[in-house]
Amino acid sequence: MNVTMQIDEPVSKLFRELDLKKHEDYRGGFEPIPDVALFSPSVSADWRRRNNSVTLISLLLAIEVKASERANGRLRSGEVIGDIEKLAAHRDEAKHRGNDFYPVMMVIDTAPLLREQMTKYSLDLAIQSAEELSVGFLYLSPEVEFDSVSRHLKGTHEGRLASLAASDTRGSYPST
């Protein structure tokens, strides 16, 4: 589900700039709305805007999704990179408030015509931006798949997954 997360007095450059673009009466915060958000149990199923401090520190994973859905058009790197930058800024805001979550950009580029899919150049720029900003990147097209998330999770969370599997009495986790 996508959940609006009010961030009062943003510290990231991007969110401060976006806040300044708003009418003066509505400044003082920014509301990122990831397409998919997963929370820890501490959020207690209360995702309301007015519960913003708990929502932000309970966030575990935020995913932005872009899909190729335009007739005679294609996703461009700027659109994807803009979402990558928002995910990185959102993570910076959470870190500033004592939480860290994993941001992921997912591109579903399954337009049936090649001319409606991202170009290799645009895809390379988006992947490079995600790597530079430490944002996970998933890409799927009829010909190409790219997954930086599995590498990241395997490298940084392997021990954590093993300890969760050992302590969980509900069943087994798939091996990593």
Protein backbone atom coordinates (compact mmCIF):
# COMPACT_ATOMS: atom_id res chain seq x y z
CA MET A 1 0.00 0.00 0.00
CA ASN A 2 1.16 3.54 -0.47
CA VAL A 3 1.21 5.59 2.71
CA THR A 4 1.67 9.34 2.98
CA MET A 5 4.44 10.08 5.46
CA GLN A 6 4.55 13.67 6.63
CA ILE A 7 8.13 14.81 7.26
CA ASP A 8 8.18 18.05 9.21
CA GLU A 9 11.19 20.33 8.81
CA PRO A 10 13.03 18.23 6.21
CA VAL A 11 16.81 18.03 6.42
CA SER A 12 17.54 16.63 2.96
CA LYS A 13 18.33 19.15 0.24
CA LEU A 14 15.77 17.63 -2.16
CA PHE A 15 12.87 17.68 0.29
CA ARG A 16 13.72 21.22 1.40
CA GLU A 17 13.70 22.33 -2.26
CA LEU A 18 10.39 20.57 -2.91
CA ASP A 19 8.92 22.15 0.23
CA LEU A 20 9.90 25.63 -1.02
CA LYS A 21 7.97 25.02 -4.26
CA LYS A 22 4.73 24.85 -2.29
CA HIS A 23 2.56 27.86 -1.52
CA GLU A 24 3.91 29.72 1.50
CA ASP A 25 0.89 28.74 3.63
CA TYR A 26 1.64 25.04 3.15
CA ARG A 27 5.39 24.97 3.73
CA GLY A 28 7.19 23.34 6.62
CA GLY A 29 7.20 19.74 5.56
CA PHE A 30 7.16 17.26 2.73
CA GLU A 31 5.07 14.14 2.17
CA PRO A 32 6.76 11.32 0.30
CA ILE A 33 4.30 8.63 -0.79
CA PRO A 34 6.14 5.44 -1.80
CA ASP A 35 4.10 3.10 -4.01
CA VAL A 36 4.77 0.22 -1.62
CA ALA A 37 5.75 0.52 2.04
CA LEU A 38 6.46 -2.26 4.53
CA PHE A 39 6.53 -1.48 8.23
CA SER A 40 7.71 -3.19 11.40
CA PRO A 41 5.04 -4.34 13.87
CA SER A 42 5.74 -1.23 15.99
CA VAL A 43 3.56 0.84 13.62
CA SER A 44 0.59 -1.09 15.11
CA ALA A 45 -1.41 -0.78 11.87
CA ASP A 46 -1.66 3.00 12.31
CA TRP A 47 -0.37 4.63 9.11
CA ARG A 48 -2.17 7.94 9.51
CA ARG A 49 -0.44 11.22 8.70
CA ARG A 50 -0.86 12.36 12.28
CA ASN A 51 1.13 9.32 13.40
CA ASN A 52 4.04 10.42 11.21
CA SER A 53 6.88 10.01 13.70
CA VAL A 54 6.00 6.37 14.41
CA THR A 55 5.31 5.69 10.73
CA LEU A 56 8.71 7.01 9.67
CA ILE A 57 10.70 5.13 12.30
CA SER A 58 8.75 1.90 11.63
CA LEU A 59 9.44 1.89 7.89
CA LEU A 60 11.47 -1.13 6.74
CA LEU A 61 11.15 -0.99 2.95
CA ALA A 62 9.94 1.64 0.48
CA ILE A 63 9.45 0.81 -3.19
CA GLU A 64 8.75 3.17 -6.06
CA VAL A 65 7.33 1.51 -9.19
CA LYS A 66 7.49 2.78 -12.76
CA ALA A 67 5.84 0.87 -15.59
CA SER A 68 6.00 1.32 -19.35
CA GLU A 69 2.39 2.06 -20.14
CA ARG A 70 2.43 4.82 -22.74
CA ALA A 71 1.44 4.30 -26.33
CA ASN A 72 4.17 5.67 -28.60
CA GLY A 73 6.26 6.77 -25.61
CA ARG A 74 8.75 5.28 -23.20
CA LEU A 75 10.08 5.69 -19.70
CA ARG A 76 12.97 8.10 -19.63
CA SER A 77 15.90 8.06 -17.27
CA GLY A 78 14.93 11.42 -15.73
CA GLU A 79 11.61 10.06 -14.45
CA VAL A 80 13.24 7.03 -12.90
CA ILE A 81 16.21 8.97 -11.49
CA GLY A 82 13.81 11.50 -9.94
CA ASP A 83 12.14 8.68 -7.99
CA ILE A 84 15.54 7.24 -7.02
CA GLU A 85 16.55 10.64 -5.63
CA LYS A 86 13.28 10.87 -3.66
CA LEU A 87 13.87 7.41 -2.19
CA ALA A 88 17.41 8.36 -1.15
CA ALA A 89 16.19 11.63 0.41
CA HIS A 90 13.41 9.75 2.23
CA ARG A 91 16.00 7.34 3.65
CA ASP A 92 18.15 10.31 4.74
CA GLU A 93 15.16 11.80 6.56
CA ALA A 94 14.53 8.49 8.33
CA LYS A 95 18.21 8.17 9.29
CA HIS A 96 18.15 11.69 10.71
CA ARG A 97 15.27 10.57 12.94
CA GLY A 98 16.91 7.34 14.08
CA ASN A 99 15.68 4.79 11.52
CA ASP A 100 17.10 3.19 8.43
CA PHE A 101 15.09 1.44 5.75
CA TYR A 102 15.86 -0.12 2.40
CA PRO A 103 14.71 1.95 -0.62
CA VAL A 104 14.04 0.16 -3.92
CA MET A 105 13.28 1.42 -7.42
CA MET A 106 11.32 -1.11 -9.51
CA VAL A 107 10.92 -0.63 -13.25
CA ILE A 108 8.48 -2.88 -15.09
CA ASP A 109 9.29 -2.20 -18.72
CA THR A 110 7.08 -4.74 -20.45
CA ALA A 111 5.66 -2.62 -23.26
CA PRO A 112 5.15 -4.94 -26.22
CA LEU A 113 7.01 -2.72 -28.68
CA LEU A 114 10.75 -2.14 -28.37
CA ARG A 115 10.32 1.54 -29.26
CA GLU A 116 8.12 1.90 -26.14
CA GLN A 117 10.72 0.39 -23.79
CA MET A 118 13.58 2.23 -22.07
CA THR A 119 16.72 2.63 -24.11
CA LYS A 120 19.88 0.90 -22.91
CA TYR A 121 21.42 4.33 -22.32
CA SER A 122 18.50 5.45 -20.11
CA LEU A 123 18.55 2.17 -18.20
CA ASP A 124 22.31 2.46 -17.62
CA LEU A 125 21.89 6.02 -16.28
CA ALA A 126 19.14 4.88 -13.90
CA ILE A 127 21.18 1.92 -12.64
CA GLN A 128 24.21 4.16 -12.13
CA SER A 129 22.13 6.67 -10.15
CA ALA A 130 20.69 3.90 -7.96
CA GLU A 131 24.17 2.54 -7.26
CA GLU A 132 25.56 5.99 -6.43
CA LEU A 133 22.69 6.70 -4.02
CA SER A 134 22.60 3.17 -2.52
CA VAL A 135 19.06 2.51 -3.69
CA GLY A 136 18.10 -1.02 -4.71
CA PHE A 137 17.15 -1.39 -8.37
CA LEU A 138 14.91 -3.98 -10.02
CA TYR A 139 14.27 -3.96 -13.77
CA LEU A 140 12.20 -6.31 -15.89
CA SER A 141 11.59 -6.25 -19.63
CA PRO A 142 10.85 -9.07 -22.08
CA GLU A 143 14.60 -9.32 -22.85
CA VAL A 144 16.41 -8.00 -19.76
CA GLU A 145 16.32 -8.48 -16.00
CA PHE A 146 18.44 -6.55 -13.52
CA ASP A 147 18.40 -7.12 -9.75
CA SER A 148 20.71 -5.28 -7.37
CA VAL A 149 18.42 -6.04 -4.42
CA SER A 150 19.28 -9.73 -4.10
CA ARG A 151 23.00 -8.95 -4.07
CA HIS A 152 22.50 -6.31 -1.38
CA LEU A 153 20.30 -8.47 0.81
CA LYS A 154 22.58 -11.46 0.49
CA GLY A 155 25.63 -9.39 1.33
CA THR A 156 24.30 -7.36 4.23
CA HIS A 157 21.46 -9.33 5.73
CA GLU A 158 22.52 -12.95 5.36
CA GLY A 159 23.36 -13.34 9.06
CA ARG A 160 20.17 -11.57 10.08
CA LEU A 161 18.06 -13.86 7.90
CA ALA A 162 19.78 -16.91 9.36
CA SER A 163 19.11 -15.74 12.93
CA LEU A 164 15.47 -15.04 12.08
CA ALA A 165 15.11 -18.50 10.60
CA ALA A 166 16.68 -20.09 13.67
CA SER A 167 14.40 -18.23 16.07
CA ASP A 168 11.15 -18.61 14.10
CA THR A 169 8.92 -21.46 15.22
CA ARG A 170 6.36 -21.05 12.42
CA GLY A 171 8.33 -22.88 9.75
CA SER A 172 11.42 -22.57 7.67
CA TYR A 173 12.75 -19.75 5.53
CA PRO A 174 14.16 -20.41 2.09
CA SER A 175 17.93 -20.68 2.15
CA THR A 176 19.86 -17.58 1.08
